[in-house]
Amino acid sequence: MTSDDGATRLLNAFLLHRNRMERDVARRVGCPATAADLVQDLFLRLWRRPPQVPELAGGYLLRSARNIATDHQRAAISRREVALDHAEDAPDARPGQDAGLDAAQQAALIRTALAALPERVRHAFLLNRLRGLSYAEIAKAQGVSVSTVEKDMMRALAACRAAIGQE
């Protein structure tokens, strides 16, 4: 059996069981998008270092997918525990009455600065900051390059910083 035969078998087995693996992982992690990412990561791991299994059985792939889901859940729990530990040690970050007024003033200055920007720059900033879109997603939505979005974001952030610094 050649390396190409093994790669073809891996690809065929993965495609055959992919939907089932994604459903199983999604039930465990609670998010279909995360499940799709984790199953894709599994494929890449197997592709880089194919398993030493005579026949790539569906059971092997499903078990591997469950293991990845379990690893993901453990990592998420660890991250939450670390965040909680740091949150307990942090000083009280709730703003006082004066700080709230200052934050409102800063927000007004930022809104004014954003309103003065060109529409594409403002829209890119809002898509990133309010909707959480990546630069690549914004570039696709606007029909521009990622480099253009990066430059637009730098321009918008510079305008926001300048607006706050002017007060």
Protein backbone atom coordinates (compact mmCIF):
# COMPACT_ATOMS: atom_id res chain seq x y z
CA MET A 1 0.00 0.00 0.00
CA THR A 2 1.40 3.36 -1.01
CA SER A 3 1.15 6.64 0.82
CA ASP A 4 -1.37 7.82 -1.79
CA ASP A 5 -3.59 4.80 -1.05
CA GLY A 6 -3.54 5.66 2.65
CA ALA A 7 -4.37 9.31 1.96
CA THR A 8 -7.24 8.32 -0.32
CA ARG A 9 -8.61 5.88 2.27
CA LEU A 10 -8.34 8.53 4.98
CA LEU A 11 -10.14 11.11 2.86
CA ASN A 12 -12.91 8.68 1.88
CA ALA A 13 -13.43 7.49 5.46
CA PHE A 14 -13.44 11.04 6.77
CA LEU A 15 -15.99 12.19 4.19
CA LEU A 16 -18.18 9.16 4.90
CA HIS A 17 -18.29 9.81 8.66
CA ARG A 18 -17.89 13.60 8.79
CA ASN A 19 -21.56 14.52 9.36
CA ARG A 20 -21.93 11.97 12.13
CA MET A 21 -18.72 13.15 13.80
CA GLU A 22 -19.86 16.78 13.62
CA ARG A 23 -23.28 15.95 15.12
CA ASP A 24 -21.68 13.95 17.93
CA VAL A 25 -19.13 16.66 18.72
CA ALA A 26 -21.80 19.40 18.51
CA ARG A 27 -23.88 17.58 21.13
CA ARG A 28 -20.86 17.49 23.41
CA VAL A 29 -19.61 21.07 22.96
CA GLY A 30 -22.98 22.73 22.33
CA CYS A 31 -21.98 24.60 19.17
CA PRO A 32 -22.19 23.31 15.58
CA ALA A 33 -19.58 25.81 14.33
CA THR A 34 -17.09 24.77 17.01
CA ALA A 35 -17.85 21.13 16.22
CA ALA A 36 -17.10 21.68 12.53
CA ASP A 37 -13.80 23.36 13.45
CA LEU A 38 -12.83 20.55 15.81
CA VAL A 39 -13.64 17.83 13.26
CA GLN A 40 -11.62 19.72 10.65
CA ASP A 41 -8.72 19.91 13.10
CA LEU A 42 -9.01 16.16 13.59
CA PHE A 43 -8.77 15.62 9.85
CA LEU A 44 -5.66 17.79 9.63
CA ARG A 45 -4.02 15.89 12.49
CA LEU A 46 -4.76 12.57 10.82
CA TRP A 47 -3.64 13.87 7.43
CA ARG A 48 -0.28 14.97 8.81
CA ARG A 49 0.27 11.69 10.64
CA PRO A 50 -2.02 8.95 9.34
CA PRO A 51 -3.05 6.38 11.95
CA GLN A 52 -1.49 2.93 11.93
CA VAL A 53 -4.83 1.18 11.45
CA PRO A 54 -5.15 -1.46 8.71
CA GLU A 55 -8.64 -0.27 7.76
CA LEU A 56 -9.65 3.24 8.75
CA ALA A 57 -12.86 2.25 10.49
CA GLY A 58 -15.61 4.67 11.32
CA GLY A 59 -15.33 3.69 14.97
CA TYR A 60 -11.77 4.97 15.07
CA LEU A 61 -12.78 8.31 13.58
CA LEU A 62 -15.81 8.68 15.86
CA ARG A 63 -13.75 7.87 18.95
CA SER A 64 -11.10 10.36 17.86
CA ALA A 65 -13.80 13.03 17.37
CA ARG A 66 -15.19 12.36 20.86
CA ASN A 67 -11.70 12.65 22.30
CA ILE A 68 -11.20 16.02 20.59
CA ALA A 69 -14.54 17.21 21.99
CA THR A 70 -13.50 16.11 25.48
CA ASP A 71 -10.14 17.89 25.14
CA HIS A 72 -11.95 21.04 23.99
CA GLN A 73 -14.31 20.92 26.98
CA ARG A 74 -11.43 20.42 29.42
CA ALA A 75 -9.55 23.37 27.93
CA ALA A 76 -12.66 25.56 28.17
CA ILE A 77 -13.12 24.64 31.84
CA SER A 78 -9.45 25.45 32.52
CA ARG A 79 -9.77 28.82 30.79
CA ARG A 80 -12.89 29.66 32.84
CA GLU A 81 -11.15 28.67 36.08
CA VAL A 82 -8.13 30.82 35.26
CA ALA A 83 -10.39 33.73 34.35
CA LEU A 84 -12.29 33.37 37.63
CA ASP A 85 -9.04 33.27 39.60
CA HIS A 86 -7.88 36.47 37.93
CA ALA A 87 -11.28 38.14 38.34
CA GLU A 88 -11.22 37.53 42.10
CA ASP A 89 -7.78 39.15 42.36
CA ALA A 90 -8.66 42.17 40.21
CA PRO A 91 -9.66 45.44 41.82
CA ASP A 92 -13.29 46.50 41.57
CA ALA A 93 -13.61 47.78 38.01
CA ARG A 94 -17.11 49.24 38.35
CA PRO A 95 -16.98 52.90 37.48
CA GLY A 96 -18.03 55.49 40.00
CA GLN A 97 -20.51 58.22 39.12
CA ASP A 98 -17.76 60.51 37.77
CA ALA A 99 -16.23 57.73 35.69
CA GLY A 100 -19.66 56.89 34.22
CA LEU A 101 -20.08 60.46 33.08
CA ASP A 102 -16.57 60.38 31.63
CA ALA A 103 -17.37 57.13 29.78
CA ALA A 104 -20.53 58.69 28.36
CA GLN A 105 -18.54 61.70 27.19
CA GLN A 106 -15.93 59.45 25.61
CA ALA A 107 -18.63 57.43 23.86
CA ALA A 108 -20.12 60.63 22.44
CA LEU A 109 -16.69 61.75 21.20
CA ILE A 110 -16.09 58.37 19.57
CA ARG A 111 -19.51 58.44 17.88
CA THR A 112 -18.70 61.90 16.49
CA ALA A 113 -15.28 60.73 15.26
CA LEU A 114 -16.80 57.67 13.58
CA ALA A 115 -19.50 59.76 11.93
CA ALA A 116 -16.80 61.89 10.31
CA LEU A 117 -15.13 58.85 8.71
CA PRO A 118 -15.92 57.60 5.20
CA GLU A 119 -18.80 55.10 5.10
CA ARG A 120 -16.63 52.06 4.22
CA VAL A 121 -14.20 52.75 7.09
CA ARG A 122 -17.02 53.29 9.60
CA HIS A 123 -18.87 50.20 8.38
CA ALA A 124 -15.74 48.02 8.65
CA PHE A 125 -15.14 49.25 12.19
CA LEU A 126 -18.72 48.56 13.26
CA LEU A 127 -18.77 45.11 11.65
CA ASN A 128 -15.62 44.20 13.54
CA ARG A 129 -16.36 45.76 16.90
CA LEU A 130 -20.12 45.25 17.17
CA ARG A 131 -20.73 42.10 15.16
CA GLY A 132 -17.37 40.42 15.77
CA LEU A 133 -16.59 39.78 12.10
CA SER A 134 -13.01 39.00 11.16
CA TYR A 135 -11.11 41.18 8.73
CA ALA A 136 -11.44 38.45 6.08
CA GLU A 137 -15.22 38.33 6.55
CA ILE A 138 -15.45 42.11 6.32
CA ALA A 139 -13.29 42.14 3.18
CA LYS A 140 -15.57 39.59 1.54
CA ALA A 141 -18.72 41.50 2.54
CA GLN A 142 -17.35 44.80 1.26
CA GLY A 143 -15.67 43.39 -1.83
CA VAL A 144 -12.24 44.70 -0.88
CA SER A 145 -8.93 43.12 0.13
CA VAL A 146 -8.04 42.18 3.68
CA SER A 147 -5.23 44.74 3.47
CA THR A 148 -7.80 47.45 2.74
CA VAL A 149 -9.83 46.39 5.79
CA GLU A 150 -6.68 46.47 7.93
CA LYS A 151 -5.93 50.01 6.77
CA ASP A 152 -9.56 51.06 7.34
CA MET A 153 -9.46 49.64 10.87
CA MET A 154 -6.21 51.46 11.63
CA ARG A 155 -7.77 54.68 10.39
CA ALA A 156 -10.92 54.17 12.49
CA LEU A 157 -8.96 53.28 15.62
CA ALA A 158 -6.67 56.27 15.15
CA ALA A 159 -9.73 58.52 14.85
CA CYS A 160 -11.19 57.08 18.06
CA ARG A 161 -7.92 57.54 19.95
CA ALA A 162 -7.56 61.07 18.66
CA ALA A 163 -11.13 61.93 19.67
CA ILE A 164 -10.58 60.75 23.24
CA GLY A 165 -7.20 62.50 23.43
CA GLN A 166 -8.72 65.83 22.34
CA GLU A 167 -10.87 66.23 25.42
